[in-house]
Protein backbone atom coordinates (compact mmCIF):
# COMPACT_ATOMS: atom_id res chain seq x y z
CA MET A 1 35.94 163.12 59.37
CA LEU A 2 36.11 166.80 60.12
CA LYS A 3 35.29 168.20 63.49
CA SER A 4 34.39 171.78 64.42
CA PHE A 5 35.55 172.45 67.96
CA LEU A 6 34.98 176.21 67.86
CA TYR A 7 32.16 177.48 70.06
CA ILE A 8 31.13 181.06 70.17
CA ALA A 9 30.59 182.76 73.58
CA LEU A 10 27.09 183.83 74.37
CA ILE A 11 27.13 187.49 75.38
CA PHE A 12 24.67 188.80 77.99
CA ILE A 13 22.20 191.37 76.67
CA GLY A 14 20.79 193.98 79.02
CA PHE A 15 17.05 194.68 79.38
CA LYS A 16 15.77 197.99 78.08
CA THR A 17 14.11 199.99 80.83
CA LEU A 18 10.38 199.83 81.60
CA ASN A 19 8.34 202.19 79.49
CA ALA A 20 5.16 203.57 81.04
CA GLN A 21 3.57 203.93 77.69
CA ASN A 22 3.65 200.17 77.13
CA CYS A 23 0.43 198.15 76.90
CA PRO A 24 -0.68 197.26 80.50
CA LYS A 25 -0.31 193.56 79.78
CA VAL A 26 3.29 194.19 78.62
CA ASN A 27 3.99 196.11 81.79
CA GLU A 28 2.73 193.23 83.86
CA ALA A 29 4.98 190.85 82.05
CA ILE A 30 7.92 193.15 82.57
CA LYS A 31 7.17 193.40 86.26
CA ALA A 32 7.04 189.57 86.48
CA PHE A 33 10.38 189.39 84.68
CA GLN A 34 12.00 191.95 87.02
CA ALA A 35 10.69 189.87 89.99
CA LYS A 36 12.52 186.95 88.44
CA ASP A 37 9.20 185.16 87.70
CA LEU A 38 10.16 183.86 84.33
CA GLU A 39 7.07 181.64 83.96
CA GLY A 40 4.81 184.54 84.79
CA ALA A 41 6.67 186.93 82.47
CA LYS A 42 6.45 184.35 79.66
CA LYS A 43 2.75 183.82 80.16
CA GLY A 44 2.08 187.47 80.41
CA ILE A 45 3.93 188.48 77.31
CA GLU A 46 2.27 185.66 75.34
CA SER A 47 -1.07 187.06 76.39
CA ALA A 48 -0.05 190.59 75.45
CA SER A 49 1.21 189.57 71.92
CA SER A 50 -2.14 187.88 71.31
CA ASP A 51 -4.09 190.93 72.39
CA ILE A 52 -5.02 193.17 69.43
CA THR A 53 -4.50 196.32 71.60
CA CYS A 54 -0.89 195.27 72.31
CA SER A 55 0.18 193.36 69.22
CA SER A 56 0.41 196.44 66.95
CA GLU A 57 2.99 198.00 69.30
CA PRO A 58 6.64 197.37 68.24
CA SER A 59 7.63 197.38 71.95
CA THR A 60 5.41 194.37 72.68
CA TRP A 61 7.51 192.33 70.32
CA TYR A 62 10.75 193.56 71.63
CA TYR A 63 9.81 192.60 75.19
CA LYS A 64 8.48 189.28 74.01
CA ALA A 65 11.81 188.64 72.18
CA PHE A 66 13.78 189.55 75.33
CA ILE A 67 11.68 187.52 77.73
CA PHE A 68 11.65 184.47 75.54
CA LYS A 69 15.36 184.83 74.88
CA ASP A 70 16.02 184.88 78.66
CA TYR A 71 13.59 181.99 79.15
CA TYR A 72 15.57 180.00 76.60
CA ARG A 73 18.87 180.97 78.24
CA SER A 74 17.69 180.05 81.72
CA LYS A 75 15.50 177.05 81.13
CA GLU A 76 15.81 175.58 77.61
CA SER A 77 19.37 176.08 76.47
CA ASN A 78 19.94 172.29 76.52
CA VAL A 79 16.67 171.58 74.73
CA LYS A 80 17.33 170.80 71.08
CA GLU A 81 14.14 172.14 69.55
CA ALA A 82 13.49 174.77 72.10
CA LYS A 83 10.30 176.64 71.26
CA SER A 84 11.31 179.61 73.32
CA ARG A 85 14.35 180.19 71.00
CA VAL A 86 12.17 180.10 67.90
CA LEU A 87 9.60 182.40 69.37
CA ALA A 88 12.19 184.86 70.57
CA ILE A 89 13.59 185.17 67.09
CA GLU A 90 10.18 185.45 65.51
CA ALA A 91 9.31 188.21 67.96
CA ALA A 92 12.48 190.14 67.29
CA LYS A 93 11.83 189.96 63.50
CA LYS A 94 8.27 191.15 64.10
CA ASN A 95 9.57 194.17 65.98
CA LEU A 96 11.93 194.97 63.06
CA GLU A 97 8.97 194.88 60.73
CA LEU A 98 6.76 197.19 62.81
CA ASP A 99 9.36 199.53 64.36
CA ALA A 100 9.50 202.27 61.76
CA LYS A 101 11.51 204.47 64.11
CA ASN A 102 14.04 201.72 64.84
CA LYS A 103 13.66 202.38 68.54
CA TYR A 104 14.36 198.78 69.48
CA ALA A 105 16.11 197.65 66.29
CA GLU A 106 19.59 197.38 67.75
CA GLU A 107 18.39 195.42 70.76
CA CYS A 108 16.37 193.10 68.64
CA LYS A 109 19.35 192.47 66.36
CA LYS A 110 21.41 191.68 69.45
CA ILE A 111 18.80 189.19 70.59
CA ILE A 112 18.79 187.52 67.15
CA GLY A 113 22.61 187.59 67.15
CA PHE A 114 22.69 186.01 70.67
CA LEU A 115 20.33 183.24 69.65
CA SER A 116 22.03 182.68 66.30
CA VAL A 117 25.27 181.91 68.21
CA SER A 118 23.34 179.27 70.21
CA TYR A 119 22.49 177.64 66.84
CA TYR A 120 26.11 177.77 65.85
CA ASN A 121 27.17 176.08 69.03
CA ASP A 122 24.50 173.42 68.59
CA ALA A 123 25.71 172.90 65.04
CA ALA A 124 29.29 172.39 66.19
CA LYS A 125 28.22 169.94 68.91
CA ASP A 126 26.14 167.95 66.47
CA LEU A 127 29.00 167.92 64.01
CA ASN A 128 31.32 166.53 66.67
CA ASP A 129 28.71 163.98 67.61
CA GLN A 130 28.33 163.02 63.88
CA LYS A 131 24.63 164.08 63.88
CA TYR A 132 25.04 165.57 60.41
CA SER A 133 21.49 166.34 59.40
CA SER A 134 20.91 168.24 62.68
CA SER A 135 24.26 169.96 62.29
CA PHE A 136 23.38 171.16 58.80
CA SER A 137 20.00 172.45 60.02
CA ASN A 138 21.58 174.39 62.89
CA TYR A 139 24.30 175.88 60.70
CA ILE A 140 21.54 177.15 58.29
CA HIS A 141 19.62 178.70 61.30
CA TYR A 142 22.81 180.38 62.38
CA LEU A 143 23.63 181.70 58.87
CA ASP A 144 20.09 182.90 58.18
CA ASN A 145 19.83 184.77 61.44
CA LEU A 146 23.38 186.17 61.05
CA LYS A 147 22.15 188.00 57.92
CA ILE A 148 19.69 189.88 60.12
CA SER A 149 21.87 190.48 63.25
CA SER A 150 25.05 191.36 61.34
CA PRO A 151 24.33 191.94 57.69
CA SER A 152 27.89 192.86 56.88
CA LYS A 153 29.41 189.75 58.42
CA VAL A 154 30.12 186.67 56.24
CA ASP A 155 31.07 183.56 58.16
CA THR A 156 32.85 181.51 55.50
CA SER A 157 33.87 178.81 57.99
CA ALA A 158 30.25 178.19 58.96
CA ILE A 159 29.26 178.18 55.24
CA PHE A 160 31.89 175.47 54.59
CA TYR A 161 30.82 173.43 57.64
CA ALA A 162 27.19 173.67 56.52
CA GLY A 163 28.29 172.21 53.15
CA TYR A 164 30.32 169.53 54.85
CA SER A 165 27.48 168.58 57.21
CA ALA A 166 25.14 168.32 54.18
CA TYR A 167 27.69 166.14 52.41
CA MET A 168 28.00 163.77 55.37
CA ALA A 169 24.18 163.68 55.59
CA LYS A 170 24.08 162.74 51.90
CA ASN A 171 22.21 165.91 51.12
CA TYR A 172 24.29 166.44 48.06
CA LYS A 173 22.34 169.29 46.44
CA SER A 174 22.74 171.43 49.58
CA ALA A 175 26.38 170.28 49.90
CA ILE A 176 27.14 171.65 46.45
CA GLN A 177 25.27 174.91 47.20
CA TYR A 178 27.22 175.69 50.39
CA LEU A 179 30.60 174.33 49.40
CA THR A 180 30.45 176.27 46.16
CA ASN A 181 29.51 179.36 48.12
CA ALA A 182 32.51 178.80 50.41
CA LEU A 183 34.72 178.46 47.31
CA GLN A 184 33.44 181.68 45.80
CA LEU A 185 34.20 183.46 49.06
CA LYS A 186 37.83 182.27 48.89
CA TYR A 187 37.62 179.99 51.90
CA LYS A 188 41.14 178.48 52.19
CA ASP A 189 41.04 174.87 53.33
CA PRO A 190 42.06 171.72 51.36
CA ASN A 191 38.96 169.94 52.75
CA LEU A 192 36.80 172.36 50.80
CA TYR A 193 38.28 171.10 47.49
CA PHE A 194 38.33 167.51 48.65
CA TYR A 195 34.59 167.35 49.58
CA LEU A 196 33.33 169.48 46.72
CA GLY A 197 35.30 167.36 44.25
CA LYS A 198 33.82 164.23 45.79
CA VAL A 199 30.19 165.51 45.83
CA TYR A 200 30.47 166.54 42.18
CA TRP A 201 31.72 163.11 41.38
CA LEU A 202 28.81 161.47 43.20
CA GLN A 203 26.42 163.64 41.26
CA GLY A 204 27.98 162.55 37.99
CA GLU A 205 29.58 165.92 37.22
CA LYS A 206 33.07 164.47 36.48
CA ASP A 207 34.45 167.55 34.67
CA LYS A 208 33.65 169.80 37.60
CA SER A 209 35.07 167.25 40.01
CA TYR A 210 38.41 167.12 38.19
CA GLU A 211 38.47 170.91 37.88
CA VAL A 212 37.93 171.44 41.60
CA LEU A 213 40.41 168.79 42.66
CA ASN A 214 43.04 170.12 40.25
CA ASP A 215 42.52 173.67 41.66
CA GLY A 216 42.87 172.29 45.19
CA LEU A 217 46.10 170.50 44.28
CA LYS A 218 47.52 173.72 42.87
CA LEU A 219 46.80 175.58 46.09
CA PHE A 220 47.75 172.57 48.34
CA PRO A 221 50.35 170.57 46.39
CA ASP A 222 51.31 168.43 49.34
CA ASN A 223 47.78 167.35 50.24
CA LYS A 224 47.59 163.54 49.95
CA GLU A 225 43.83 163.36 50.45
CA ILE A 226 43.05 165.46 47.35
CA LEU A 227 45.69 163.58 45.32
CA LEU A 228 44.53 160.11 46.30
CA THR A 229 40.93 161.05 45.59
CA MET A 230 42.01 161.98 42.02
CA VAL A 231 43.86 158.67 41.76
CA ASN A 232 40.68 156.78 42.63
CA PHE A 233 38.66 158.79 40.19
CA TYR A 234 41.17 158.31 37.37
CA ILE A 235 41.04 154.57 38.06
CA GLU A 236 37.25 154.54 37.98
CA ASP A 237 37.30 156.69 34.82
CA GLY A 238 40.02 154.69 33.08
CA LYS A 239 42.25 157.75 32.56
CA LEU A 240 45.53 155.87 32.73
CA LYS A 241 47.91 158.61 31.67
CA ASN A 242 46.44 161.04 34.17
CA LEU A 243 46.60 158.31 36.79
CA GLU A 244 50.29 157.63 36.08
CA THR A 245 51.11 161.31 36.64
CA ALA A 246 48.93 161.47 39.81
CA LEU A 247 50.55 158.30 41.27
CA ASP A 248 54.01 159.60 40.49
CA LYS A 249 53.19 162.74 42.47
CA ALA A 250 51.59 160.73 45.28
CA ILE A 251 54.72 158.56 45.60
CA GLN A 252 56.86 161.70 45.83
CA LEU A 253 54.71 162.83 48.74
CA ASP A 254 54.63 159.42 50.41
CA PRO A 255 57.70 157.46 49.25
CA LYS A 256 57.20 154.70 51.85
CA ASN A 257 53.67 153.85 50.68
CA LEU A 258 54.05 150.48 49.07
CA ASP A 259 50.39 150.31 47.88
CA LEU A 260 50.97 153.39 45.78
CA LYS A 261 53.99 151.80 44.14
CA VAL A 262 52.18 148.57 43.42
CA SER A 263 49.26 150.51 41.98
CA LEU A 264 51.56 152.55 39.68
CA ALA A 265 53.42 149.38 38.57
CA MET A 266 50.01 147.84 37.57
CA ILE A 267 48.97 151.01 35.72
CA CYS A 268 52.29 150.99 33.83
CA GLU A 269 51.48 147.35 32.79
CA LYS A 270 48.18 148.49 31.43
CA LEU A 271 49.79 151.39 29.56
CA MET A 272 52.30 148.92 28.16
CA GLU A 273 49.46 146.86 26.73
CA ASN A 274 47.73 149.98 25.31
CA ASP A 275 50.80 151.60 23.75
CA LYS A 276 53.24 149.14 22.19
CA SER A 277 55.56 151.96 21.15
CA GLN A 278 56.18 152.65 24.89
CA GLU A 279 56.33 148.99 25.90
CA ALA A 280 60.00 148.95 26.87
CA LYS A 281 59.61 152.15 28.99
CA TYR A 282 56.62 150.88 30.93
CA LEU A 283 58.02 147.39 31.38
CA LYS A 284 61.15 148.80 32.93
CA LYS A 285 59.16 151.19 35.18
CA SER A 286 56.90 148.35 36.43
CA GLU A 287 59.85 146.10 37.06
CA LYS A 288 61.66 148.84 39.02
CA LEU A 289 58.62 149.54 41.16
CA TYR A 290 57.93 145.92 41.98
CA ILE A 291 61.54 145.31 43.00
CA GLN A 292 61.46 148.40 45.22
CA VAL A 293 58.40 147.04 47.00
CA ILE A 294 59.79 143.53 47.36
CA ARG A 295 63.06 144.83 48.81
CA THR A 296 61.05 146.69 51.43
CA ASP A 297 58.69 143.77 52.18
CA SER A 298 59.26 140.50 50.45
CA ASN A 299 56.14 138.85 52.00
CA LEU A 300 53.60 140.52 49.75
CA PHE A 301 51.85 138.31 47.28
CA THR A 302 50.86 140.82 44.61
CA PRO A 303 54.26 142.35 43.79
CA ASN A 304 55.91 138.93 43.76
CA TYR A 305 53.25 137.37 41.54
CA ASN A 306 53.03 140.38 39.21
CA LEU A 307 56.79 140.62 38.81
CA GLY A 308 56.97 136.87 38.10
CA ILE A 309 54.25 137.23 35.45
CA LEU A 310 55.92 140.29 34.03
CA TYR A 311 59.12 138.28 33.37
CA TYR A 312 57.11 135.20 32.22
CA ASN A 313 55.08 137.16 29.72
CA LYS A 314 58.17 138.93 28.41
CA ALA A 315 59.85 135.57 27.65
CA VAL A 316 56.69 134.18 26.05
CA ALA A 317 56.38 137.29 23.83
CA ILE A 318 59.92 136.84 22.59
CA ILE A 319 59.27 133.15 21.80
CA ASN A 320 56.08 133.94 19.95
CA ALA A 321 57.89 136.55 17.89
CA THR A 322 60.75 134.14 17.01
CA ASP A 323 61.16 132.98 13.44
CA PHE A 324 62.19 129.35 13.99
CA ASP A 325 63.13 129.07 10.30
CA ALA A 326 65.97 131.49 10.90
CA ASP A 327 69.61 130.43 11.37
CA LEU A 328 70.12 127.96 14.18
CA PRO A 329 72.64 130.15 16.12
CA GLU A 330 70.21 132.99 16.08
CA VAL A 331 67.40 130.76 17.39
CA ASN A 332 69.65 129.33 20.06
CA LYS A 333 70.62 132.85 21.15
CA ILE A 334 66.95 133.76 21.53
CA GLN A 335 66.22 130.61 23.49
CA ASP A 336 69.16 131.30 25.84
CA GLU A 337 67.82 134.79 26.36
CA CYS A 338 64.41 133.37 27.23
CA VAL A 339 65.85 130.91 29.70
CA ILE A 340 67.49 133.73 31.55
CA ILE A 341 64.19 135.61 31.71
CA PHE A 342 62.28 132.52 32.92
CA LYS A 343 64.90 132.13 35.62
CA GLN A 344 64.27 135.69 36.59
CA ALA A 345 60.62 134.94 37.04
CA LEU A 346 61.10 131.74 39.00
CA PRO A 347 62.09 133.05 42.52
CA TYR A 348 59.27 135.62 42.60
CA MET A 349 56.59 133.09 41.49
CA LEU A 350 57.90 130.49 44.00
CA ARG A 351 57.61 133.03 46.76
CA ALA A 352 54.16 134.06 45.63
CA SER A 353 52.98 130.41 45.62
CA LYS A 354 54.18 130.04 49.22
CA LEU A 355 52.45 133.22 50.37
CA LYS A 356 49.09 132.23 48.86
CA GLU A 357 47.78 129.00 47.36
CA LYS A 358 46.63 130.48 44.11
CA LYS A 359 45.80 128.43 40.98
CA GLU A 360 47.33 131.13 38.79
CA ALA A 361 50.68 130.99 40.55
CA TYR A 362 50.84 127.19 40.23
CA GLU A 363 49.92 127.40 36.53
CA ALA A 364 52.69 130.01 36.00
CA LEU A 365 55.25 127.78 37.78
CA ALA A 366 54.22 124.81 35.60
CA GLY A 367 54.84 126.95 32.56
CA ILE A 368 58.20 128.27 33.79
CA TYR A 369 59.54 124.78 34.71
CA PHE A 370 58.32 123.42 31.35
CA ALA A 371 60.24 126.26 29.61
CA LEU A 372 63.30 125.41 31.67
CA GLY A 373 63.07 121.72 30.69
CA ASP A 374 62.15 120.47 34.23
CA ILE A 375 59.19 118.38 33.23
CA GLU A 376 58.84 116.68 36.62
CA LYS A 377 58.41 119.94 38.45
CA SER A 378 56.24 121.22 35.71
CA ASN A 379 53.88 118.29 36.12
CA TYR A 380 53.93 118.75 39.90
CA TYR A 381 52.72 122.32 39.76
CA LYS A 382 50.26 121.47 37.00
CA LYS A 383 48.62 118.92 39.33
CA LEU A 384 48.55 121.49 42.18
CA ALA A 385 46.83 123.92 39.90
CA GLU A 386 44.26 121.32 38.86
CA SER A 387 43.53 120.51 42.53
CA ILE A 388 42.31 124.04 43.16
CA LYS A 389 38.78 124.64 41.97
């Protein structure tokens, strides 16, 4: 999970001096504000903005924006859905619409900027608290108001975090919109490629997912999260050759990861089945990987069982391909070779059977001992296999 620890400092904004030409109700609100009577100032400026004689004046909306901004800062900064913040921004926007001479434009933009920062800080806090829907909403408020207060500023980090919050809130359409925007703006973070690749996949856009993840891997070749995401998608998509390449790369980045080696060995077995011309190559690669894992940790069922089965199947395949009408010396030579291979399989399958009581392991042991001519042990493991339902 990502966290945004960055909070933007809220900068104090000075109050524009009292103007004698203001509507009387506005002047009364200003006097109340200067007397530190915030409630009176708030009530007075609300009355003024509802009065037809005052509401057409740009200054009315500037003072309303300022008073409500200060009311929010002093009394409602910890209130999530503070009405004072919304009304302050609306008033500042109203001034910008009415103020043809731009007398208060800069001050109103500063008010909007101040309050947009409060949305950013709320978004960051919500993100850290895993309140993703609220975080997304607050990032959008911040970005929308930033366009007014600082039109030339583009906050690519906030755009990315808006997309990330949307992703975590399962709002995938918005996640694609904002993550794609961050990508177009050249935001440099491997998590951008990671989450955009994932959201495309969840939306069924596999080609776009692969494209984004591959682009991310080119920029961040050592990023395991992107690589392992591709591995999982290749598995789900059945792209075995791509998967082999991705797993080879993943093992280079994390050579001590036994799960990756077991996964690659199993993929090589699948490739061996699908491409008989490469059977020897993939058999050798699988064998090598399983042995590496077992040498590191011999108490893992899967590599022991799989390596035992690999040898067992190799011997069975040789037997099935044997022409028993051939010369006896040649047949004996093949049988001797198979005995050696069955003996290779035996210790791994015995260890697997001790690690887990699996019917498949007992059946394999019954077959191995039968091939080695030990009928008593073959029958013993056959009965064990039959006892497991």
